[in-house]
Amino acid sequence: MFLSQHPNGTYYLFYCDETGNRHKVSTKCKTKALATEFLRSFRCQEHQRQIKVRNKTLSEFCAEYLSYVKTIYSAGTFELHQLALRRLQKHVSDILLRQLTPKHFDELKAEMLTTMQPVTANMRLKKLKACLNVATRWKLLEANPLEFSCYRWLSKFRCSSQTRIFRSCYRLRARVGCESL
């Protein structure tokens, strides 16, 4: 974002939007002091607009996302997305979308394992991950909180031998890149 003076003496503000396109706005003034004041107010308005856009609650996003899913997926897939989002809303209530953390999903995972089979919990977590990928693509989130989550561990530990468990842990650590497992 910068100011530039046109040969006719008028200052123009150049800025790039979220998609990378450059735009030019006239400050409608010929003095640098007034143009700098315009730049300051424009930055403030831009910041307020970005905050307003990004501060979506989980329920607002769910309604918008489910209407999107209904148009592109089958009724069965829509139902799976709806069940997963309903379970998440029940667990974390109505918080801002950007306040979701991996801890919320770990707690949700533990809660789901008490009431359902690991395969069902995996399916719901996969739907939530897809949902949050869309939120990231729509620029509502900086990063997907489920991106580095190990939701596959639920079905991996249903093996019988001790060596297979250790092998699974080693592969999981290598894939995720963490030493805490």
N, C-alpha and C. Protein backbone atom coordinates (compact mmCIF):
# COMPACT_ATOMS: atom_id res chain seq x y z
N MET A 1 0.86 -1.16 0.00
CA MET A 1 0.00 0.00 0.00
C MET A 1 0.92 1.23 0.00
N PHE A 2 0.73 2.10 -0.99
CA PHE A 2 1.57 3.30 -1.06
C PHE A 2 0.83 4.42 -1.77
N LEU A 3 1.36 5.62 -1.57
CA LEU A 3 0.81 6.81 -2.22
C LEU A 3 1.69 7.20 -3.39
N SER A 4 1.07 7.71 -4.42
CA SER A 4 1.81 8.19 -5.58
C SER A 4 1.11 9.43 -6.12
N GLN A 5 1.93 10.40 -6.56
CA GLN A 5 1.38 11.64 -7.08
C GLN A 5 1.29 11.57 -8.60
N HIS A 6 0.12 11.84 -9.12
CA HIS A 6 -0.12 11.85 -10.56
C HIS A 6 0.45 13.15 -11.12
N PRO A 7 0.80 13.18 -12.42
CA PRO A 7 1.31 14.43 -13.01
C PRO A 7 0.38 15.63 -12.85
N ASN A 8 -0.92 15.40 -12.68
CA ASN A 8 -1.83 16.54 -12.50
C ASN A 8 -1.82 17.05 -11.05
N GLY A 9 -1.04 16.41 -10.16
CA GLY A 9 -0.90 16.88 -8.78
C GLY A 9 -1.75 16.12 -7.77
N THR A 10 -2.67 15.30 -8.22
CA THR A 10 -3.54 14.54 -7.31
C THR A 10 -2.82 13.29 -6.83
N TYR A 11 -2.97 12.99 -5.53
CA TYR A 11 -2.38 11.78 -4.96
C TYR A 11 -3.33 10.60 -5.12
N TYR A 12 -2.75 9.44 -5.42
CA TYR A 12 -3.49 8.20 -5.55
C TYR A 12 -2.92 7.16 -4.59
N LEU A 13 -3.81 6.34 -4.06
CA LEU A 13 -3.43 5.26 -3.17
C LEU A 13 -3.48 3.95 -3.96
N PHE A 14 -2.37 3.23 -3.95
CA PHE A 14 -2.30 1.93 -4.60
C PHE A 14 -2.26 0.86 -3.51
N TYR A 15 -3.07 -0.20 -3.69
CA TYR A 15 -3.07 -1.30 -2.73
C TYR A 15 -3.39 -2.61 -3.44
N CYS A 16 -3.04 -3.72 -2.81
CA CYS A 16 -3.34 -5.05 -3.34
C CYS A 16 -4.41 -5.69 -2.46
N ASP A 17 -5.39 -6.32 -3.10
CA ASP A 17 -6.43 -7.01 -2.34
C ASP A 17 -5.99 -8.43 -2.00
N GLU A 18 -6.92 -9.26 -1.44
CA GLU A 18 -6.61 -10.61 -0.99
C GLU A 18 -6.18 -11.52 -2.13
N THR A 19 -6.68 -11.24 -3.33
CA THR A 19 -6.35 -12.09 -4.47
C THR A 19 -5.07 -11.67 -5.17
N GLY A 20 -4.47 -10.56 -4.73
CA GLY A 20 -3.22 -10.10 -5.32
C GLY A 20 -3.39 -9.07 -6.41
N ASN A 21 -4.62 -8.68 -6.72
CA ASN A 21 -4.86 -7.66 -7.74
C ASN A 21 -4.57 -6.28 -7.17
N ARG A 22 -3.93 -5.45 -7.98
CA ARG A 22 -3.58 -4.10 -7.54
C ARG A 22 -4.70 -3.14 -7.93
N HIS A 23 -5.04 -2.24 -7.00
CA HIS A 23 -6.09 -1.26 -7.22
C HIS A 23 -5.57 0.14 -6.96
N LYS A 24 -6.24 1.12 -7.58
CA LYS A 24 -5.86 2.52 -7.42
C LYS A 24 -7.09 3.30 -6.97
N VAL A 25 -6.90 4.09 -5.90
CA VAL A 25 -7.99 4.90 -5.36
C VAL A 25 -7.50 6.34 -5.29
N SER A 26 -8.30 7.27 -5.77
CA SER A 26 -7.94 8.68 -5.70
C SER A 26 -8.18 9.21 -4.29
N THR A 27 -7.21 9.97 -3.78
CA THR A 27 -7.38 10.61 -2.47
C THR A 27 -8.15 11.91 -2.61
N LYS A 28 -8.28 12.42 -3.83
CA LYS A 28 -8.97 13.67 -4.15
C LYS A 28 -8.36 14.87 -3.42
N CYS A 29 -7.05 14.81 -3.23
CA CYS A 29 -6.36 15.94 -2.62
C CYS A 29 -4.99 16.10 -3.27
N LYS A 30 -4.45 17.32 -3.17
CA LYS A 30 -3.19 17.61 -3.83
C LYS A 30 -2.05 17.88 -2.86
N THR A 31 -2.33 17.82 -1.56
CA THR A 31 -1.26 18.01 -0.58
C THR A 31 -0.90 16.66 0.04
N LYS A 32 0.39 16.52 0.34
CA LYS A 32 0.87 15.26 0.87
C LYS A 32 0.32 14.97 2.27
N ALA A 33 0.14 16.00 3.07
CA ALA A 33 -0.37 15.82 4.43
C ALA A 33 -1.78 15.24 4.41
N LEU A 34 -2.64 15.78 3.54
CA LEU A 34 -4.01 15.26 3.44
C LEU A 34 -4.03 13.85 2.85
N ALA A 35 -3.12 13.59 1.91
CA ALA A 35 -3.05 12.26 1.31
C ALA A 35 -2.58 11.23 2.34
N THR A 36 -1.64 11.61 3.20
CA THR A 36 -1.17 10.71 4.26
C THR A 36 -2.28 10.45 5.27
N GLU A 37 -3.08 11.46 5.57
CA GLU A 37 -4.22 11.29 6.46
C GLU A 37 -5.24 10.33 5.84
N PHE A 38 -5.47 10.47 4.54
CA PHE A 38 -6.36 9.55 3.82
C PHE A 38 -5.83 8.12 3.89
N LEU A 39 -4.52 7.96 3.72
CA LEU A 39 -3.90 6.64 3.79
C LEU A 39 -4.11 6.01 5.17
N ARG A 40 -3.93 6.80 6.22
CA ARG A 40 -4.12 6.31 7.58
C ARG A 40 -5.57 5.85 7.80
N SER A 41 -6.53 6.66 7.36
CA SER A 41 -7.94 6.29 7.55
C SER A 41 -8.32 5.08 6.69
N PHE A 42 -7.72 5.00 5.50
CA PHE A 42 -8.00 3.85 4.62
C PHE A 42 -7.48 2.56 5.23
N ARG A 43 -6.28 2.60 5.82
CA ARG A 43 -5.72 1.42 6.50
C ARG A 43 -6.60 0.99 7.65
N CYS A 44 -7.10 1.95 8.40
CA CYS A 44 -7.97 1.64 9.54
C CYS A 44 -9.26 0.98 9.05
N GLN A 45 -9.86 1.54 8.01
CA GLN A 45 -11.10 0.97 7.45
C GLN A 45 -10.85 -0.43 6.89
N GLU A 46 -9.73 -0.62 6.23
CA GLU A 46 -9.38 -1.92 5.67
C GLU A 46 -9.20 -2.95 6.78
N HIS A 47 -8.53 -2.55 7.85
CA HIS A 47 -8.32 -3.44 8.99
C HIS A 47 -9.66 -3.82 9.63
N GLN A 48 -10.55 -2.85 9.80
CA GLN A 48 -11.87 -3.13 10.39
C GLN A 48 -12.68 -4.07 9.50
N ARG A 49 -12.57 -3.89 8.20
CA ARG A 49 -13.29 -4.75 7.27
C ARG A 49 -12.77 -6.18 7.34
N GLN A 50 -11.46 -6.35 7.41
CA GLN A 50 -10.88 -7.69 7.50
C GLN A 50 -11.26 -8.37 8.81
N ILE A 51 -11.28 -7.62 9.90
CA ILE A 51 -11.67 -8.19 11.19
C ILE A 51 -13.12 -8.63 11.14
N LYS A 52 -13.98 -7.82 10.54
CA LYS A 52 -15.40 -8.15 10.47
C LYS A 52 -15.62 -9.41 9.63
N VAL A 53 -14.87 -9.55 8.54
CA VAL A 53 -15.02 -10.70 7.68
C VAL A 53 -14.53 -11.97 8.39
N ARG A 54 -13.44 -11.88 9.10
CA ARG A 54 -12.84 -13.07 9.71
C ARG A 54 -13.48 -13.47 11.02
N ASN A 55 -14.25 -12.61 11.65
CA ASN A 55 -14.86 -12.95 12.93
C ASN A 55 -16.21 -13.63 12.74
N LYS A 56 -16.19 -14.81 12.18
CA LYS A 56 -17.41 -15.59 12.03
C LYS A 56 -17.49 -16.58 13.16
N THR A 57 -18.69 -16.74 13.68
CA THR A 57 -18.87 -17.75 14.70
C THR A 57 -19.02 -19.11 14.04
N LEU A 58 -18.89 -20.14 14.84
CA LEU A 58 -18.99 -21.50 14.33
C LEU A 58 -20.37 -21.77 13.73
N SER A 59 -21.41 -21.27 14.39
CA SER A 59 -22.76 -21.51 13.87
C SER A 59 -22.99 -20.80 12.53
N GLU A 60 -22.47 -19.58 12.39
CA GLU A 60 -22.60 -18.87 11.10
C GLU A 60 -21.89 -19.63 10.00
N PHE A 61 -20.67 -20.09 10.29
CA PHE A 61 -19.92 -20.83 9.29
C PHE A 61 -20.62 -22.14 8.95
N CYS A 62 -21.16 -22.84 9.96
CA CYS A 62 -21.83 -24.12 9.72
C CYS A 62 -23.02 -23.93 8.78
N ALA A 63 -23.79 -22.90 9.02
CA ALA A 63 -24.95 -22.65 8.16
C ALA A 63 -24.51 -22.39 6.72
N GLU A 64 -23.49 -21.57 6.56
CA GLU A 64 -22.98 -21.25 5.22
C GLU A 64 -22.36 -22.48 4.56
N TYR A 65 -21.59 -23.22 5.32
CA TYR A 65 -20.91 -24.40 4.78
C TYR A 65 -21.92 -25.50 4.40
N LEU A 66 -22.91 -25.71 5.24
CA LEU A 66 -23.89 -26.76 4.94
C LEU A 66 -24.73 -26.43 3.72
N SER A 67 -25.01 -25.14 3.50
CA SER A 67 -25.73 -24.79 2.27
C SER A 67 -24.84 -25.03 1.05
N TYR A 68 -23.54 -24.82 1.20
CA TYR A 68 -22.59 -25.11 0.13
C TYR A 68 -22.50 -26.61 -0.13
N VAL A 69 -22.41 -27.40 0.94
CA VAL A 69 -22.29 -28.85 0.82
C VAL A 69 -23.55 -29.45 0.20
N LYS A 70 -24.69 -28.91 0.54
CA LYS A 70 -25.96 -29.43 0.03
C LYS A 70 -26.04 -29.33 -1.49
N THR A 71 -25.39 -28.31 -2.05
CA THR A 71 -25.47 -28.12 -3.50
C THR A 71 -24.50 -29.00 -4.27
N ILE A 72 -23.39 -29.42 -3.65
CA ILE A 72 -22.37 -30.15 -4.43
C ILE A 72 -22.25 -31.62 -4.07
N TYR A 73 -22.76 -32.06 -2.92
CA TYR A 73 -22.64 -33.46 -2.52
C TYR A 73 -24.01 -34.14 -2.49
N SER A 74 -23.97 -35.45 -2.35
CA SER A 74 -25.22 -36.21 -2.26
C SER A 74 -25.84 -36.03 -0.88
N ALA A 75 -27.06 -36.51 -0.74
CA ALA A 75 -27.79 -36.36 0.53
C ALA A 75 -27.09 -37.11 1.67
N GLY A 76 -26.52 -38.28 1.38
CA GLY A 76 -25.82 -39.05 2.41
C GLY A 76 -24.57 -38.34 2.91
N THR A 77 -23.80 -37.77 2.01
CA THR A 77 -22.59 -37.03 2.39
C THR A 77 -22.96 -35.77 3.14
N PHE A 78 -24.02 -35.10 2.71
CA PHE A 78 -24.50 -33.92 3.42
C PHE A 78 -24.86 -34.29 4.86
N GLU A 79 -25.51 -35.43 5.03
CA GLU A 79 -25.92 -35.88 6.36
C GLU A 79 -24.70 -36.14 7.25
N LEU A 80 -23.63 -36.72 6.68
CA LEU A 80 -22.40 -36.97 7.44
C LEU A 80 -21.75 -35.67 7.88
N HIS A 81 -21.69 -34.70 6.98
CA HIS A 81 -21.13 -33.39 7.33
C HIS A 81 -21.96 -32.72 8.42
N GLN A 82 -23.26 -32.83 8.30
CA GLN A 82 -24.15 -32.21 9.27
C GLN A 82 -23.98 -32.84 10.66
N LEU A 83 -23.87 -34.16 10.71
CA LEU A 83 -23.66 -34.85 12.00
C LEU A 83 -22.34 -34.45 12.64
N ALA A 84 -21.29 -34.37 11.84
CA ALA A 84 -19.97 -34.01 12.37
C ALA A 84 -19.97 -32.58 12.90
N LEU A 85 -20.56 -31.66 12.16
CA LEU A 85 -20.59 -30.27 12.60
C LEU A 85 -21.48 -30.09 13.82
N ARG A 86 -22.58 -30.82 13.87
CA ARG A 86 -23.46 -30.74 15.03
C ARG A 86 -22.74 -31.22 16.29
N ARG A 87 -21.96 -32.30 16.15
CA ARG A 87 -21.20 -32.82 17.29
C ARG A 87 -20.15 -31.82 17.75
N LEU A 88 -19.48 -31.16 16.79
CA LEU A 88 -18.48 -30.14 17.14
C LEU A 88 -19.15 -28.96 17.85
N GLN A 89 -20.28 -28.50 17.34
CA GLN A 89 -20.98 -27.38 17.97
C GLN A 89 -21.43 -27.74 19.39
N LYS A 90 -21.86 -28.96 19.57
CA LYS A 90 -22.29 -29.40 20.89
C LYS A 90 -21.10 -29.42 21.85
N HIS A 91 -19.94 -29.77 21.35
CA HIS A 91 -18.76 -29.87 22.20
C HIS A 91 -18.17 -28.51 22.57
N VAL A 92 -18.02 -27.60 21.60
CA VAL A 92 -17.35 -26.32 21.86
C VAL A 92 -18.30 -25.15 21.99
N SER A 93 -19.57 -25.35 21.82
CA SER A 93 -20.61 -24.32 21.80
C SER A 93 -20.36 -23.35 20.64
N ASP A 94 -20.81 -22.12 20.75
CA ASP A 94 -20.71 -21.19 19.63
C ASP A 94 -19.55 -20.22 19.84
N ILE A 95 -18.34 -20.65 19.48
CA ILE A 95 -17.18 -19.78 19.61
C ILE A 95 -16.81 -19.25 18.22
N LEU A 96 -15.88 -18.31 18.19
CA LEU A 96 -15.40 -17.81 16.91
C LEU A 96 -14.65 -18.92 16.20
N LEU A 97 -14.76 -18.95 14.91
CA LEU A 97 -14.14 -20.00 14.11
C LEU A 97 -12.62 -20.00 14.28
N ARG A 98 -12.03 -18.82 14.36
CA ARG A 98 -10.58 -18.74 14.47
C ARG A 98 -10.06 -19.10 15.86
N GLN A 99 -10.96 -19.32 16.82
CA GLN A 99 -10.55 -19.72 18.16
C GLN A 99 -10.46 -21.23 18.32
N LEU A 100 -10.81 -21.97 17.29
CA LEU A 100 -10.69 -23.43 17.36
C LEU A 100 -9.22 -23.82 17.39
N THR A 101 -8.88 -24.73 18.28
CA THR A 101 -7.51 -25.20 18.43
C THR A 101 -7.46 -26.71 18.31
N PRO A 102 -6.28 -27.28 18.09
CA PRO A 102 -6.17 -28.74 18.07
C PRO A 102 -6.63 -29.39 19.38
N LYS A 103 -6.51 -28.67 20.48
CA LYS A 103 -6.95 -29.20 21.77
C LYS A 103 -8.45 -29.50 21.76
N HIS A 104 -9.24 -28.61 21.14
CA HIS A 104 -10.67 -28.85 21.04
C HIS A 104 -10.96 -30.18 20.33
N PHE A 105 -10.19 -30.46 19.28
CA PHE A 105 -10.44 -31.66 18.51
C PHE A 105 -9.93 -32.91 19.23
N ASP A 106 -8.87 -32.77 20.01
CA ASP A 106 -8.42 -33.91 20.82
C ASP A 106 -9.46 -34.26 21.87
N GLU A 107 -10.03 -33.24 22.50
CA GLU A 107 -11.09 -33.49 23.48
C GLU A 107 -12.33 -34.10 22.81
N LEU A 108 -12.67 -33.58 21.64
CA LEU A 108 -13.81 -34.12 20.89
C LEU A 108 -13.57 -35.58 20.52
N LYS A 109 -12.35 -35.88 20.11
CA LYS A 109 -11.98 -37.24 19.75
C LYS A 109 -12.18 -38.18 20.94
N ALA A 110 -11.70 -37.77 22.10
CA ALA A 110 -11.83 -38.59 23.30
C ALA A 110 -13.31 -38.76 23.68
N GLU A 111 -14.08 -37.70 23.54
CA GLU A 111 -15.51 -37.77 23.85
C GLU A 111 -16.24 -38.71 22.88
N MET A 112 -15.90 -38.63 21.60
CA MET A 112 -16.57 -39.47 20.62
C MET A 112 -16.24 -40.95 20.82
N LEU A 113 -15.02 -41.25 21.28
CA LEU A 113 -14.64 -42.64 21.48
C LEU A 113 -15.41 -43.31 22.60
N THR A 114 -15.97 -42.52 23.50
CA THR A 114 -16.75 -43.11 24.58
C THR A 114 -18.13 -43.55 24.11
N THR A 115 -18.62 -42.97 23.03
CA THR A 115 -19.99 -43.26 22.60
C THR A 115 -20.10 -43.96 21.25
N MET A 116 -19.00 -44.04 20.49
CA MET A 116 -19.11 -44.64 19.15
C MET A 116 -17.86 -45.44 18.81
N GLN A 117 -17.94 -46.18 17.74
CA GLN A 117 -16.83 -46.99 17.28
C GLN A 117 -15.72 -46.10 16.72
N PRO A 118 -14.45 -46.56 16.78
CA PRO A 118 -13.34 -45.75 16.25
C PRO A 118 -13.49 -45.41 14.77
N VAL A 119 -14.06 -46.31 13.99
CA VAL A 119 -14.24 -46.05 12.56
C VAL A 119 -15.20 -44.89 12.35
N THR A 120 -16.28 -44.85 13.11
CA THR A 120 -17.25 -43.76 13.00
C THR A 120 -16.62 -42.44 13.42
N ALA A 121 -15.84 -42.48 14.49
CA ALA A 121 -15.16 -41.26 14.95
C ALA A 121 -14.18 -40.76 13.89
N ASN A 122 -13.47 -41.70 13.25
CA ASN A 122 -12.56 -41.32 12.16
C ASN A 122 -13.30 -40.64 11.03
N MET A 123 -14.44 -41.20 10.64
CA MET A 123 -15.22 -40.61 9.54
C MET A 123 -15.65 -39.19 9.89
N ARG A 124 -16.11 -38.99 11.11
CA ARG A 124 -16.56 -37.65 11.51
C ARG A 124 -15.39 -36.67 11.54
N LEU A 125 -14.23 -37.13 12.02
CA LEU A 125 -13.06 -36.24 12.04
C LEU A 125 -12.60 -35.90 10.62
N LYS A 126 -12.71 -36.84 9.71
CA LYS A 126 -12.36 -36.56 8.32
C LYS A 126 -13.29 -35.51 7.72
N LYS A 127 -14.57 -35.60 8.05
CA LYS A 127 -15.53 -34.60 7.56
C LYS A 127 -15.22 -33.23 8.15
N LEU A 128 -14.85 -33.19 9.43
CA LEU A 128 -14.49 -31.91 10.06
C LEU A 128 -13.23 -31.33 9.43
N LYS A 129 -12.28 -32.19 9.11
CA LYS A 129 -11.05 -31.71 8.47
C LYS A 129 -11.36 -31.12 7.10
N ALA A 130 -12.24 -31.78 6.34
CA ALA A 130 -12.63 -31.26 5.03
C ALA A 130 -13.35 -29.92 5.18
N CYS A 131 -14.19 -29.82 6.20
CA CYS A 131 -14.92 -28.58 6.47
C CYS A 131 -13.95 -27.44 6.78
N LEU A 132 -12.95 -27.72 7.61
CA LEU A 132 -11.99 -26.67 7.97
C LEU A 132 -11.03 -26.36 6.83
N ASN A 133 -10.82 -27.30 5.93
CA ASN A 133 -10.04 -27.00 4.72
C ASN A 133 -10.77 -25.97 3.86
N VAL A 134 -12.08 -26.11 3.78
CA VAL A 134 -12.89 -25.13 3.04
C VAL A 134 -12.82 -23.77 3.73
N ALA A 135 -12.89 -23.75 5.06
CA ALA A 135 -12.79 -22.49 5.79
C ALA A 135 -11.44 -21.82 5.54
N THR A 136 -10.39 -22.62 5.44
CA THR A 136 -9.07 -22.08 5.13
C THR A 136 -9.03 -21.54 3.71
N ARG A 137 -9.64 -22.27 2.79
CA ARG A 137 -9.69 -21.81 1.39
C ARG A 137 -10.49 -20.53 1.24
N TRP A 138 -11.54 -20.38 2.07
CA TRP A 138 -12.35 -19.17 2.05
C TRP A 138 -11.72 -18.04 2.84
N LYS A 139 -10.51 -18.24 3.35
CA LYS A 139 -9.75 -17.23 4.10
C LYS A 139 -10.42 -16.85 5.43
N LEU A 140 -11.15 -17.79 6.03
CA LEU A 140 -11.74 -17.55 7.34
C LEU A 140 -10.80 -18.02 8.45
N LEU A 141 -9.88 -18.89 8.09
CA LEU A 141 -8.87 -19.39 9.02
C LEU A 141 -7.50 -19.24 8.39
N GLU A 142 -6.50 -19.01 9.23
CA GLU A 142 -5.13 -18.95 8.73
C GLU A 142 -4.63 -20.34 8.37
N ALA A 143 -4.90 -21.29 9.26
CA ALA A 143 -4.49 -22.68 9.05
C ALA A 143 -5.53 -23.61 9.65
N ASN A 144 -5.60 -24.79 9.12
CA ASN A 144 -6.55 -25.78 9.60
C ASN A 144 -6.06 -26.38 10.92
N PRO A 145 -6.81 -26.24 12.01
CA PRO A 145 -6.36 -26.81 13.28
C PRO A 145 -6.29 -28.34 13.27
N LEU A 146 -6.96 -28.98 12.33
CA LEU A 146 -6.91 -30.44 12.21
C LEU A 146 -5.86 -30.91 11.22
N GLU A 147 -5.08 -30.01 10.67
CA GLU A 147 -4.13 -30.38 9.62
C GLU A 147 -3.11 -31.40 10.09
N PHE A 148 -2.53 -31.21 11.27
CA PHE A 148 -1.49 -32.11 11.74
C PHE A 148 -2.01 -33.05 12.82
N SER A 149 -3.31 -33.17 12.92
CA SER A 149 -3.89 -34.06 13.91
C SER A 149 -3.78 -35.50 13.43
N CYS A 150 -3.57 -36.41 14.35
CA CYS A 150 -3.39 -37.82 14.00
C CYS A 150 -4.69 -38.55 14.25
N TYR A 151 -5.70 -38.34 13.45
CA TYR A 151 -6.96 -39.00 13.71
C TYR A 151 -6.93 -40.47 13.30
N ARG A 152 -5.93 -40.88 12.58
CA ARG A 152 -5.90 -42.27 12.15
C ARG A 152 -5.42 -43.21 13.25
N TRP A 153 -4.90 -42.68 14.32
CA TRP A 153 -4.44 -43.55 15.40
C TRP A 153 -5.58 -44.35 16.00
N LEU A 154 -6.80 -43.90 15.81
CA LEU A 154 -7.94 -44.60 16.39
C LEU A 154 -8.05 -46.02 15.86
N SER A 155 -7.81 -46.22 14.58
CA SER A 155 -7.95 -47.56 14.03
C SER A 155 -6.62 -48.30 13.97
N LYS A 156 -5.50 -47.61 14.07
CA LYS A 156 -4.20 -48.26 13.97
C LYS A 156 -3.90 -49.12 15.18
N PHE A 157 -4.41 -48.78 16.35
CA PHE A 157 -4.06 -49.51 17.56
C PHE A 157 -4.99 -50.67 17.85
N ARG A 158 -5.72 -51.12 16.88
CA ARG A 158 -6.58 -52.27 17.06
C ARG A 158 -5.86 -53.54 16.59
N CYS A 159 -4.54 -53.57 16.70
CA CYS A 159 -3.76 -54.73 16.28
C CYS A 159 -3.36 -55.55 17.51
N SER A 160 -2.89 -56.75 17.28
CA SER A 160 -2.68 -57.66 18.38
C SER A 160 -1.26 -57.67 18.91
N SER A 161 -0.28 -57.54 18.09
CA SER A 161 1.09 -57.71 18.57
C SER A 161 1.71 -56.39 19.03
N GLN A 162 2.60 -56.52 19.99
CA GLN A 162 3.31 -55.35 20.55
C GLN A 162 4.18 -54.68 19.50
N THR A 163 4.84 -55.45 18.65
CA THR A 163 5.73 -54.86 17.64
C THR A 163 4.96 -54.05 16.62
N ARG A 164 3.75 -54.50 16.27
CA ARG A 164 2.96 -53.74 15.32
C ARG A 164 2.55 -52.40 15.92
N ILE A 165 2.27 -52.37 17.21
CA ILE A 165 1.92 -51.10 17.88
C ILE A 165 3.11 -50.15 17.84
N PHE A 166 4.31 -50.66 18.18
CA PHE A 166 5.49 -49.79 18.15
C PHE A 166 5.79 -49.31 16.73
N ARG A 167 5.60 -50.19 15.74
CA ARG A 167 5.83 -49.80 14.36
C ARG A 167 4.85 -48.70 13.95
N SER A 168 3.60 -48.84 14.36
CA SER A 168 2.59 -47.83 14.04
C SER A 168 2.94 -46.50 14.68
N CYS A 169 3.38 -46.52 15.94
CA CYS A 169 3.79 -45.28 16.62
C CYS A 169 4.95 -44.62 15.90
N TYR A 170 5.92 -45.43 15.48
CA TYR A 170 7.09 -44.88 14.80
C TYR A 170 6.68 -44.21 13.49
N ARG A 171 5.82 -44.87 12.71
CA ARG A 171 5.36 -44.28 11.45
C ARG A 171 4.56 -43.01 11.67
N LEU A 172 3.73 -43.03 12.72
CA LEU A 172 2.92 -41.86 13.04
C LEU A 172 3.80 -40.68 13.44
N ARG A 173 4.83 -40.95 14.26
CA ARG A 173 5.77 -39.90 14.65
C ARG A 173 6.49 -39.33 13.45
N ALA A 174 6.89 -40.19 12.54
CA ALA A 174 7.61 -39.73 11.35
C ALA A 174 6.71 -38.90 10.46
N ARG A 175 5.44 -39.28 10.32
CA ARG A 175 4.51 -38.56 9.47
C ARG A 175 4.18 -37.19 10.05
N VAL A 176 3.94 -37.14 11.35
CA VAL A 176 3.51 -35.90 11.99
C VAL A 176 4.71 -35.03 12.33
N GLY A 177 5.83 -35.64 12.64
CA GLY A 177 7.02 -34.88 12.98
C GLY A 177 7.04 -34.43 14.43
N CYS A 178 6.49 -35.23 15.32
CA CYS A 178 6.51 -34.86 16.74
C CYS A 178 7.12 -36.00 17.54
N GLU A 179 7.68 -35.65 18.68
CA GLU A 179 8.34 -36.62 19.54
C GLU A 179 7.49 -37.01 20.73
N SER A 180 6.31 -36.42 20.90
CA SER A 180 5.52 -36.67 22.09
C SER A 180 4.72 -37.96 22.04
N LEU A 181 4.65 -38.63 20.91
CA LEU A 181 3.87 -39.86 20.83
C LEU A 181 4.64 -41.04 21.37
